[in-house]
C-alpha cells in the first residue's frame, strides 16, 4: 500500500509539473509572437524607407539623363545609335 501511495504522489507531482510546463510554454509563445510582431513592423518600416530612397535616386537619375539629353542632343543621339548598333551586332551573332 505504501508503494501505491508513493506512486500516486509521484504521478500527481508529474501532472503538476506538466501543467506548469504547459503554462510556461504558452506564456513563452505569446511573448515570442508579440516580439515578432514588433520586429516585423520595424522591418516593414525600414523596407518602406529603402523603397522611398531608391525611388528618389531613380527619379534623380532620370532627371539627370533628361537634362544631359536636352543639353547635348547630338551626342545623345550618336550614343543611342552606337548602343543600338552594338546590341544589333551581338544579337546577329547568335
PDB file of N, CA and C in Angstrom:
ATOM      1  N   UNK A   1       0.811  -1.186   0.000  1.00  0.00           N
ATOM      2  CA  UNK A   1       0.000   0.000   0.000  1.00  0.00           C
ATOM      3  C   UNK A   1       0.856   1.252   0.000  1.00  0.00           C
ATOM      4  N   UNK A   2       1.954   1.225   0.720  1.00  0.00           N
ATOM      5  CA  UNK A   2       2.830   2.394   0.781  1.00  0.00           C
ATOM      6  C   UNK A   2       3.405   2.695  -0.594  1.00  0.00           C
ATOM      7  N   UNK A   3       3.653   1.648  -1.369  1.00  0.00           N
ATOM      8  CA  UNK A   3       4.207   1.838  -2.712  1.00  0.00           C
ATOM      9  C   UNK A   3       3.172   2.500  -3.620  1.00  0.00           C
ATOM     10  N   UNK A   4       1.876   2.111  -3.452  1.00  0.00           N
ATOM     11  CA  UNK A   4       0.824   2.726  -4.259  1.00  0.00           C
ATOM     12  C   UNK A   4       0.690   4.206  -3.945  1.00  0.00           C
ATOM     13  N   UNK A   5       0.791   4.572  -2.667  1.00  0.00           N
ATOM     14  CA  UNK A   5       0.671   5.977  -2.269  1.00  0.00           C
ATOM     15  C   UNK A   5       1.845   6.774  -2.825  1.00  0.00           C
ATOM     16  N   UNK A   6       3.036   6.181  -2.728  1.00  0.00           N
ATOM     17  CA  UNK A   6       4.230   6.844  -3.242  1.00  0.00           C
ATOM     18  C   UNK A   6       4.108   7.048  -4.751  1.00  0.00           C
ATOM     19  N   UNK A   7       3.603   6.040  -5.466  1.00  0.00           N
ATOM     20  CA  UNK A   7       3.399   6.111  -6.913  1.00  0.00           C
ATOM     21  C   UNK A   7       2.373   7.192  -7.248  1.00  0.00           C
ATOM     22  N   UNK A   8       1.286   7.257  -6.494  1.00  0.00           N
ATOM     23  CA  UNK A   8       0.242   8.262  -6.715  1.00  0.00           C
ATOM     24  C   UNK A   8       0.776   9.663  -6.468  1.00  0.00           C
ATOM     25  N   UNK A   9       1.570   9.828  -5.429  1.00  0.00           N
ATOM     26  CA  UNK A   9       2.154  11.141  -5.139  1.00  0.00           C
ATOM     27  C   UNK A   9       3.090  11.583  -6.266  1.00  0.00           C
ATOM     28  N   UNK A  10       3.876  10.657  -6.779  1.00  0.00           N
ATOM     29  CA  UNK A  10       4.788  10.990  -7.879  1.00  0.00           C
ATOM     30  C   UNK A  10       4.020  11.335  -9.153  1.00  0.00           C
ATOM     31  N   UNK A  11       2.966  10.590  -9.431  1.00  0.00           N
ATOM     32  CA  UNK A  11       2.138  10.881 -10.616  1.00  0.00           C
ATOM     33  C   UNK A  11       1.500  12.266 -10.491  1.00  0.00           C
ATOM     34  N   UNK A  12       1.008  12.593  -9.305  1.00  0.00           N
ATOM     35  CA  UNK A  12       0.416  13.918  -9.090  1.00  0.00           C
ATOM     36  C   UNK A  12       1.474  15.018  -9.268  1.00  0.00           C
ATOM     37  N   UNK A  13       2.691  14.756  -8.794  1.00  0.00           N
ATOM     38  CA  UNK A  13       3.775  15.729  -8.946  1.00  0.00           C
ATOM     39  C   UNK A  13       4.120  15.917 -10.424  1.00  0.00           C
ATOM     40  N   UNK A  14       4.149  14.818 -11.173  1.00  0.00           N
ATOM     41  CA  UNK A  14       4.434  14.886 -12.610  1.00  0.00           C
ATOM     42  C   UNK A  14       3.330  15.658 -13.329  1.00  0.00           C
ATOM     43  N   UNK A  15       2.077  15.378 -12.970  1.00  0.00           N
ATOM     44  CA  UNK A  15       0.953  16.109 -13.586  1.00  0.00           C
ATOM     45  C   UNK A  15       1.064  17.610 -13.308  1.00  0.00           C
ATOM     46  N   UNK A  16       1.427  17.934 -12.076  1.00  0.00           N
ATOM     47  CA  UNK A  16       1.579  19.339 -11.692  1.00  0.00           C
ATOM     48  C   UNK A  16       2.715  19.994 -12.489  1.00  0.00           C
ATOM     49  N   UNK A  17       3.814  19.257 -12.652  1.00  0.00           N
ATOM     50  CA  UNK A  17       4.946  19.790 -13.424  1.00  0.00           C
ATOM     51  C   UNK A  17       4.574  19.995 -14.899  1.00  0.00           C
ATOM     52  N   UNK A  18       3.844  19.033 -15.467  1.00  0.00           N
ATOM     53  CA  UNK A  18       3.421  19.139 -16.866  1.00  0.00           C
ATOM     54  C   UNK A  18       2.480  20.324 -17.040  1.00  0.00           C
ATOM     55  N   UNK A  19       1.585  20.526 -16.089  1.00  0.00           N
ATOM     56  CA  UNK A  19       0.658  21.652 -16.145  1.00  0.00           C
ATOM     57  C   UNK A  19       1.427  22.980 -16.094  1.00  0.00           C
ATOM     58  N   UNK A  20       2.409  23.057 -15.210  1.00  0.00           N
ATOM     59  CA  UNK A  20       3.231  24.277 -15.103  1.00  0.00           C
ATOM     60  C   UNK A  20       4.037  24.490 -16.384  1.00  0.00           C
ATOM     61  N   UNK A  21       4.544  23.395 -16.959  1.00  0.00           N
ATOM     62  CA  UNK A  21       5.299  23.485 -18.204  1.00  0.00           C
ATOM     63  C   UNK A  21       4.428  24.001 -19.344  1.00  0.00           C
ATOM     64  N   UNK A  22       3.200  23.508 -19.441  1.00  0.00           N
ATOM     65  CA  UNK A  22       2.264  23.985 -20.464  1.00  0.00           C
ATOM     66  C   UNK A  22       2.002  25.479 -20.311  1.00  0.00           C
ATOM     67  N   UNK A  23       1.804  25.894 -19.080  1.00  0.00           N
ATOM     68  CA  UNK A  23       1.551  27.311 -18.802  1.00  0.00           C
ATOM     69  C   UNK A  23       2.750  28.160 -19.205  1.00  0.00           C
ATOM     70  N   UNK A  24       3.948  27.695 -18.835  1.00  0.00           N
ATOM     71  CA  UNK A  24       5.159  28.448 -19.184  1.00  0.00           C
ATOM     72  C   UNK A  24       5.372  28.501 -20.696  1.00  0.00           C
ATOM     73  N   UNK A  25       5.124  27.388 -21.378  1.00  0.00           N
ATOM     74  CA  UNK A  25       5.260  27.370 -22.838  1.00  0.00           C
ATOM     75  C   UNK A  25       4.252  28.304 -23.500  1.00  0.00           C
ATOM     76  N   UNK A  26       3.044  28.337 -22.984  1.00  0.00           N
ATOM     77  CA  UNK A  26       2.033  29.246 -23.526  1.00  0.00           C
ATOM     78  C   UNK A  26       2.458  30.699 -23.379  1.00  0.00           C
ATOM     79  N   UNK A  27       3.006  31.044 -22.212  1.00  0.00           N
ATOM     80  CA  UNK A  27       3.485  32.403 -21.989  1.00  0.00           C
ATOM     81  C   UNK A  27       4.662  32.727 -22.912  1.00  0.00           C
ATOM     82  N   UNK A  28       5.561  31.756 -23.082  1.00  0.00           N
ATOM     83  CA  UNK A  28       6.723  31.954 -23.949  1.00  0.00           C
ATOM     84  C   UNK A  28       6.295  32.173 -25.401  1.00  0.00           C
ATOM     85  N   UNK A  29       5.376  31.377 -25.877  1.00  0.00           N
ATOM     86  CA  UNK A  29       4.892  31.517 -27.253  1.00  0.00           C
ATOM     87  C   UNK A  29       4.202  32.851 -27.440  1.00  0.00           C
ATOM     88  N   UNK A  30       3.443  33.270 -26.475  1.00  0.00           N
ATOM     89  CA  UNK A  30       2.772  34.571 -26.547  1.00  0.00           C
ATOM     90  C   UNK A  30       3.788  35.706 -26.604  1.00  0.00           C
ATOM     91  N   UNK A  31       4.813  35.624 -25.765  1.00  0.00           N
ATOM     92  CA  UNK A  31       5.853  36.669 -25.753  1.00  0.00           C
ATOM     93  C   UNK A  31       6.622  36.687 -27.068  1.00  0.00           C
ATOM     94  N   UNK A  32       6.920  35.513 -27.603  1.00  0.00           N
ATOM     95  CA  UNK A  32       7.623  35.443 -28.891  1.00  0.00           C
ATOM     96  C   UNK A  32       6.780  36.042 -30.010  1.00  0.00           C
ATOM     97  N   UNK A  33       5.494  35.758 -29.990  1.00  0.00           N
ATOM     98  CA  UNK A  33       4.599  36.313 -31.008  1.00  0.00           C
ATOM     99  C   UNK A  33       4.566  37.825 -30.953  1.00  0.00           C
ATOM    100  N   UNK A  34       4.492  38.380 -29.756  1.00  0.00           N
ATOM    101  CA  UNK A  34       4.486  39.835 -29.589  1.00  0.00           C
ATOM    102  C   UNK A  34       5.800  40.429 -30.075  1.00  0.00           C
ATOM    103  N   UNK A  35       6.913  39.784 -29.739  1.00  0.00           N
ATOM    104  CA  UNK A  35       8.235  40.270 -30.161  1.00  0.00           C
ATOM    105  C   UNK A  35       8.366  40.209 -31.683  1.00  0.00           C
ATOM    106  N   UNK A  36       7.903  39.134 -32.293  1.00  0.00           N
ATOM    107  CA  UNK A  36       7.977  39.003 -33.749  1.00  0.00           C
ATOM    108  C   UNK A  36       7.121  40.050 -34.446  1.00  0.00           C
ATOM    109  N   UNK A  37       5.959  40.361 -33.888  1.00  0.00           N
ATOM    110  CA  UNK A  37       5.110  41.404 -34.467  1.00  0.00           C
ATOM    111  C   UNK A  37       5.829  42.739 -34.467  1.00  0.00           C
ATOM    112  N   UNK A  38       6.464  43.062 -33.357  1.00  0.00           N
ATOM    113  CA  UNK A  38       7.181  44.336 -33.251  1.00  0.00           C
ATOM    114  C   UNK A  38       8.341  44.381 -34.238  1.00  0.00           C
ATOM    115  N   UNK A  39       9.074  43.297 -34.350  1.00  0.00           N
ATOM    116  CA  UNK A  39      10.203  43.262 -35.281  1.00  0.00           C
ATOM    117  C   UNK A  39       9.717  43.340 -36.727  1.00  0.00           C
ATOM    118  N   UNK A  40       8.611  42.692 -37.056  1.00  0.00           N
ATOM    119  CA  UNK A  40       8.116  42.742 -38.428  1.00  0.00           C
ATOM    120  C   UNK A  40       7.666  44.150 -38.786  1.00  0.00           C
ATOM    121  N   UNK A  41       7.107  44.874 -37.820  1.00  0.00           N
ATOM    122  CA  UNK A  41       6.734  46.266 -38.072  1.00  0.00           C
ATOM    123  C   UNK A  41       7.977  47.110 -38.354  1.00  0.00           C
ATOM    124  N   UNK A  42       9.043  46.868 -37.598  1.00  0.00           N
ATOM    125  CA  UNK A  42      10.296  47.594 -37.823  1.00  0.00           C
ATOM    126  C   UNK A  42      10.867  47.279 -39.208  1.00  0.00           C
ATOM    127  N   UNK A  43      10.821  46.018 -39.598  1.00  0.00           N
ATOM    128  CA  UNK A  43      11.345  45.608 -40.897  1.00  0.00           C
ATOM    129  C   UNK A  43      10.517  46.219 -42.017  1.00  0.00           C
ATOM    130  N   UNK A  44       9.193  46.236 -41.867  1.00  0.00           N
ATOM    131  CA  UNK A  44       8.335  46.849 -42.881  1.00  0.00           C
ATOM    132  C   UNK A  44       8.652  48.323 -43.040  1.00  0.00           C
ATOM    133  N   UNK A  45       8.827  49.018 -41.923  1.00  0.00           N
ATOM    134  CA  UNK A  45       9.126  50.450 -41.969  1.00  0.00           C
ATOM    135  C   UNK A  45      10.473  50.692 -42.649  1.00  0.00           C
ATOM    136  N   UNK A  46      11.475  49.883 -42.322  1.00  0.00           N
ATOM    137  CA  UNK A  46      12.795  50.031 -42.943  1.00  0.00           C
ATOM    138  C   UNK A  46      12.713  49.769 -44.447  1.00  0.00           C
ATOM    139  N   UNK A  47      11.933  48.770 -44.854  1.00  0.00           N
ATOM    140  CA  UNK A  47      11.778  48.472 -46.275  1.00  0.00           C
ATOM    141  C   UNK A  47      11.090  49.622 -47.002  1.00  0.00           C
ATOM    142  N   UNK A  48      10.080  50.219 -46.380  1.00  0.00           N
ATOM    143  CA  UNK A  48       9.401  51.365 -46.991  1.00  0.00           C
ATOM    144  C   UNK A  48      10.367  52.530 -47.187  1.00  0.00           C
ATOM    145  N   UNK A  49      11.209  52.775 -46.188  1.00  0.00           N
ATOM    146  CA  UNK A  49      12.175  53.863 -46.289  1.00  0.00           C
ATOM    147  C   UNK A  49      13.186  53.589 -47.397  1.00  0.00           C
ATOM    148  N   UNK A  50      13.654  52.351 -47.507  1.00  0.00           N
ATOM    149  CA  UNK A  50      14.601  51.990 -48.576  1.00  0.00           C
ATOM    150  C   UNK A  50      13.953  52.155 -49.949  1.00  0.00           C
ATOM    151  N   UNK A  51      12.689  51.745 -50.071  1.00  0.00           N
ATOM    152  CA  UNK A  51      11.988  51.905 -51.345  1.00  0.00           C
ATOM    153  C   UNK A  51      11.847  53.378 -51.704  1.00  0.00           C
ATOM    154  N   UNK A  52      11.543  54.198 -50.700  1.00  0.00           N
ATOM    155  CA  UNK A  52      11.409  55.631 -50.924  1.00  0.00           C
ATOM    156  C   UNK A  52      12.738  56.221 -51.412  1.00  0.00           C
ATOM    157  N   UNK A  53      13.843  55.799 -50.773  1.00  0.00           N
ATOM    158  CA  UNK A  53      15.162  56.283 -51.174  1.00  0.00           C
ATOM    159  C   UNK A  53      15.514  55.817 -52.586  1.00  0.00           C
ATOM    160  N   UNK A  54      15.212  54.556 -52.911  1.00  0.00           N
ATOM    161  CA  UNK A  54      15.507  54.021 -54.239  1.00  0.00           C
ATOM    162  C   UNK A  54      14.693  54.755 -55.299  1.00  0.00           C
ATOM    163  N   UNK A  55      13.433  55.019 -55.007  1.00  0.00           N
ATOM    164  CA  UNK A  55      12.579  55.742 -55.948  1.00  0.00           C
ATOM    165  C   UNK A  55      13.136  57.150 -56.193  1.00  0.00           C
ATOM    166  N   UNK A  56      13.562  57.806 -55.116  1.00  0.00           N
ATOM    167  CA  UNK A  56      14.117  59.157 -55.222  1.00  0.00           C
ATOM    168  C   UNK A  56      15.393  59.146 -56.067  1.00  0.00           C
ATOM    169  N   UNK A  57      16.275  58.170 -55.831  1.00  0.00           N
ATOM    170  CA  UNK A  57      17.506  58.071 -56.618  1.00  0.00           C
ATOM    171  C   UNK A  57      17.195  57.798 -58.087  1.00  0.00           C
ATOM    172  N   UNK A  58      16.201  56.954 -58.352  1.00  0.00           N
ATOM    173  CA  UNK A  58      15.805  56.666 -59.730  1.00  0.00           C
ATOM    174  C   UNK A  58      15.274  57.914 -60.425  1.00  0.00           C
ATOM    175  N   UNK A  59      14.442  58.659 -59.707  1.00  0.00           N
ATOM    176  CA  UNK A  59      13.910  59.898 -60.284  1.00  0.00           C
ATOM    177  C   UNK A  59      15.024  60.906 -60.536  1.00  0.00           C
ATOM    178  N   UNK A  60      15.970  61.009 -59.595  1.00  0.00           N
ATOM    179  CA  UNK A  60      17.105  61.921 -59.776  1.00  0.00           C
ATOM    180  C   UNK A  60      17.944  61.516 -60.982  1.00  0.00           C
ATOM    181  N   UNK A  61      18.184  60.218 -61.129  1.00  0.00           N
ATOM    182  CA  UNK A  61      18.946  59.719 -62.272  1.00  0.00           C
ATOM    183  C   UNK A  61      18.239  60.013 -63.587  1.00  0.00           C
ATOM    184  N   UNK A  62      16.933  59.818 -63.620  1.00  0.00           N
ATOM    185  CA  UNK A  62      16.161  60.093 -64.831  1.00  0.00           C
ATOM    186  C   UNK A  62      16.208  61.572 -65.187  1.00  0.00           C
ATOM    187  N   UNK A  63      16.085  62.433 -64.180  1.00  0.00           N
ATOM    188  CA  UNK A  63      16.185  63.872 -64.425  1.00  0.00           C
ATOM    189  C   UNK A  63      17.557  64.243 -64.966  1.00  0.00           C
ATOM    190  N   UNK A  64      18.597  63.619 -64.439  1.00  0.00           N
ATOM    191  CA  UNK A  64      19.958  63.884 -64.912  1.00  0.00           C
ATOM    192  C   UNK A  64      20.109  63.469 -66.378  1.00  0.00           C
ATOM    193  N   UNK A  65      19.588  62.302 -66.720  1.00  0.00           N
ATOM    194  CA  UNK A  65      19.663  61.833 -68.115  1.00  0.00           C
ATOM    195  C   UNK A  65      18.873  62.762 -69.019  1.00  0.00           C
ATOM    196  N   UNK A  66      17.688  63.164 -68.609  1.00  0.00           N
ATOM    197  CA  UNK A  66      16.883  64.080 -69.425  1.00  0.00           C
ATOM    198  C   UNK A  66      17.610  65.402 -69.647  1.00  0.00           C
ATOM    199  N   UNK A  67      18.200  65.923 -68.585  1.00  0.00           N
ATOM    200  CA  UNK A  67      18.921  67.192 -68.687  1.00  0.00           C
ATOM    201  C   UNK A  67      20.120  67.051 -69.631  1.00  0.00           C
ATOM    202  N   UNK A  68      20.843  65.928 -69.519  1.00  0.00           N
ATOM    203  CA  UNK A  68      22.002  65.696 -70.385  1.00  0.00           C
ATOM    204  C   UNK A  68      21.574  65.595 -71.838  1.00  0.00           C
ATOM    205  N   UNK A  69      20.476  64.914 -72.108  1.00  0.00           N
ATOM    206  CA  UNK A  69      19.983  64.778 -73.485  1.00  0.00           C
ATOM    207  C   UNK A  69      19.557  66.139 -74.021  1.00  0.00           C
ATOM    208  N   UNK A  70      18.900  66.929 -73.192  1.00  0.00           N
ATOM    209  CA  UNK A  70      18.479  68.264 -73.644  1.00  0.00           C
ATOM    210  C   UNK A  70      19.676  69.166 -73.920  1.00  0.00           C
ATOM    211  N   UNK A  71      20.733  69.057 -73.119  1.00  0.00           N
ATOM    212  CA  UNK A  71      21.908  69.900 -73.294  1.00  0.00           C
ATOM    213  C   UNK A  71      22.783  69.442 -74.451  1.00  0.00           C
ATOM    214  N   UNK A  72      22.817  68.155 -74.738  1.00  0.00           N
ATOM    215  CA  UNK A  72      23.676  67.589 -75.791  1.00  0.00           C
ATOM    216  C   UNK A  72      22.873  66.637 -76.669  1.00  0.00           C
ATOM    217  N   UNK A  73      21.963  67.143 -77.486  1.00  0.00           N
ATOM    218  CA  UNK A  73      21.105  66.235 -78.250  1.00  0.00           C
ATOM    219  C   UNK A  73      21.861  65.398 -79.281  1.00  0.00           C
ATOM    220  N   UNK A  74      22.838  65.976 -79.966  1.00  0.00           N
ATOM    221  CA  UNK A  74      23.565  65.226 -80.994  1.00  0.00           C
ATOM    222  C   UNK A  74      24.419  64.122 -80.364  1.00  0.00           C
ATOM    223  N   UNK A  75      25.086  64.453 -79.276  1.00  0.00           N
ATOM    224  CA  UNK A  75      25.903  63.448 -78.591  1.00  0.00           C
ATOM    225  C   UNK A  75      25.022  62.308 -78.098  1.00  0.00           C
ATOM    226  N   UNK A  76      23.861  62.655 -77.547  1.00  0.00           N
ATOM    227  CA  UNK A  76      22.934  61.630 -77.057  1.00  0.00           C
ATOM    228  C   UNK A  76      22.432  60.758 -78.198  1.00  0.00           C
ATOM    229  N   UNK A  77      22.125  61.388 -79.329  1.00  0.00           N
ATOM    230  CA  UNK A  77      21.647  60.634 -80.497  1.00  0.00           C
ATOM    231  C   UNK A  77      22.716  59.685 -80.997  1.00  0.00           C
ATOM    232  N   UNK A  78      23.953  60.161 -81.062  1.00  0.00           N
ATOM    233  CA  UNK A  78      25.052  59.305 -81.538  1.00  0.00           C
ATOM    234  C   UNK A  78      25.302  58.157 -80.551  1.00  0.00           C
ATOM    235  N   UNK A  79      25.225  58.443 -79.262  1.00  0.00           N
ATOM    236  CA  UNK A  79      25.417  57.389 -78.258  1.00  0.00           C
ATOM    237  C   UNK A  79      24.322  56.335 -78.390  1.00  0.00           C
ATOM    238  N   UNK A  80      23.078  56.780 -78.561  1.00  0.00           N
ATOM    239  CA  UNK A  80      21.967  55.830 -78.720  1.00  0.00           C
ATOM    240  C   UNK A  80      22.145  55.005 -79.988  1.00  0.00           C
ATOM    241  N   UNK A  81      22.570  55.651 -81.053  1.00  0.00           N
ATOM    242  CA  UNK A  81      22.808  54.944 -82.315  1.00  0.00           C
ATOM    243  C   UNK A  81      23.907  53.904 -82.142  1.00  0.00           C
ATOM    244  N   UNK A  82      25.008  54.276 -81.473  1.00  0.00           N
ATOM    245  CA  UNK A  82      26.110  53.340 -81.248  1.00  0.00           C
ATOM    246  C   UNK A  82      25.686  52.162 -80.383  1.00  0.00           C
ATOM    247  N   UNK A  83      24.934  52.443 -79.341  1.00  0.00           N
ATOM    248  CA  UNK A  83      24.457  51.362 -78.466  1.00  0.00           C
ATOM    249  C   UNK A  83      23.528  50.430 -79.236  1.00  0.00           C
ATOM    250  N   UNK A  84      22.645  51.008 -80.034  1.00  0.00           N
ATOM    251  CA  UNK A  84      21.745  50.189 -80.847  1.00  0.00           C
ATOM    252  C   UNK A  84      22.512  49.321 -81.824  1.00  0.00           C
ATOM    253  N   UNK A  85      23.557  49.881 -82.430  1.00  0.00           N
ATOM    254  CA  UNK A  85      24.391  49.121 -83.371  1.00  0.00           C
ATOM    255  C   UNK A  85      25.061  47.950 -82.658  1.00  0.00           C
ATOM    256  N   UNK A  86      25.615  48.195 -81.465  1.00  0.00           N
ATOM    257  CA  UNK A  86      26.273  47.123 -80.698  1.00  0.00           C
ATOM    258  C   UNK A  86      25.297  46.023 -80.311  1.00  0.00           C
ATOM    259  N   UNK A  87      24.130  46.422 -79.852  1.00  0.00           N
ATOM    260  CA  UNK A  87      23.117  45.416 -79.470  1.00  0.00           C
ATOM    261  C   UNK A  87      22.715  44.587 -80.690  1.00  0.00           C
ATOM    262  N   UNK A  88      22.522  45.265 -81.840  1.00  0.00           N
ATOM    263  CA  UNK A  88      22.178  44.542 -83.067  1.00  0.00           C
ATOM    264  C   UNK A  88      23.282  43.582 -83.482  1.00  0.00           C
ATOM    265  N   UNK A  89      24.532  43.995 -83.342  1.00  0.00           N
ATOM    266  CA  UNK A  89      25.655  43.141 -83.716  1.00  0.00           C
ATOM    267  C   UNK A  89      25.719  41.909 -82.812  1.00  0.00           C
ATOM    268  N   UNK A  90      25.504  42.099 -81.520  1.00  0.00           N
ATOM    269  CA  UNK A  90      25.537  40.961 -80.603  1.00  0.00           C
ATOM    270  C   UNK A  90      24.376  40.005 -80.861  1.00  0.00           C
ATOM    271  N   UNK A  91      23.214  40.538 -81.179  1.00  0.00           N
ATOM    272  CA  UNK A  91      22.054  39.685 -81.447  1.00  0.00           C
ATOM    273  C   UNK A  91      22.188  38.956 -82.769  1.00  0.00           C
ATOM    274  N   UNK A  92      22.867  39.553 -83.719  1.00  0.00           N
ATOM    275  CA  UNK A  92      23.074  38.934 -85.032  1.00  0.00           C
ATOM    276  C   UNK A  92      24.048  37.769 -84.956  1.00  0.00           C
ATOM    277  N   UNK A  93      24.942  37.776 -83.996  1.00  0.00           N
ATOM    278  CA  UNK A  93      25.945  36.717 -83.869  1.00  0.00           C
ATOM    279  C   UNK A  93      25.332  35.382 -83.489  1.00  0.00           C
ATOM    280  N   UNK A  94      24.188  35.392 -82.923  1.00  0.00           N
ATOM    281  CA  UNK A  94      23.550  34.149 -82.489  1.00  0.00           C
ATOM    282  C   UNK A  94      23.101  33.440 -83.682  1.00  0.00           C
TER     283      UNK A  94
END
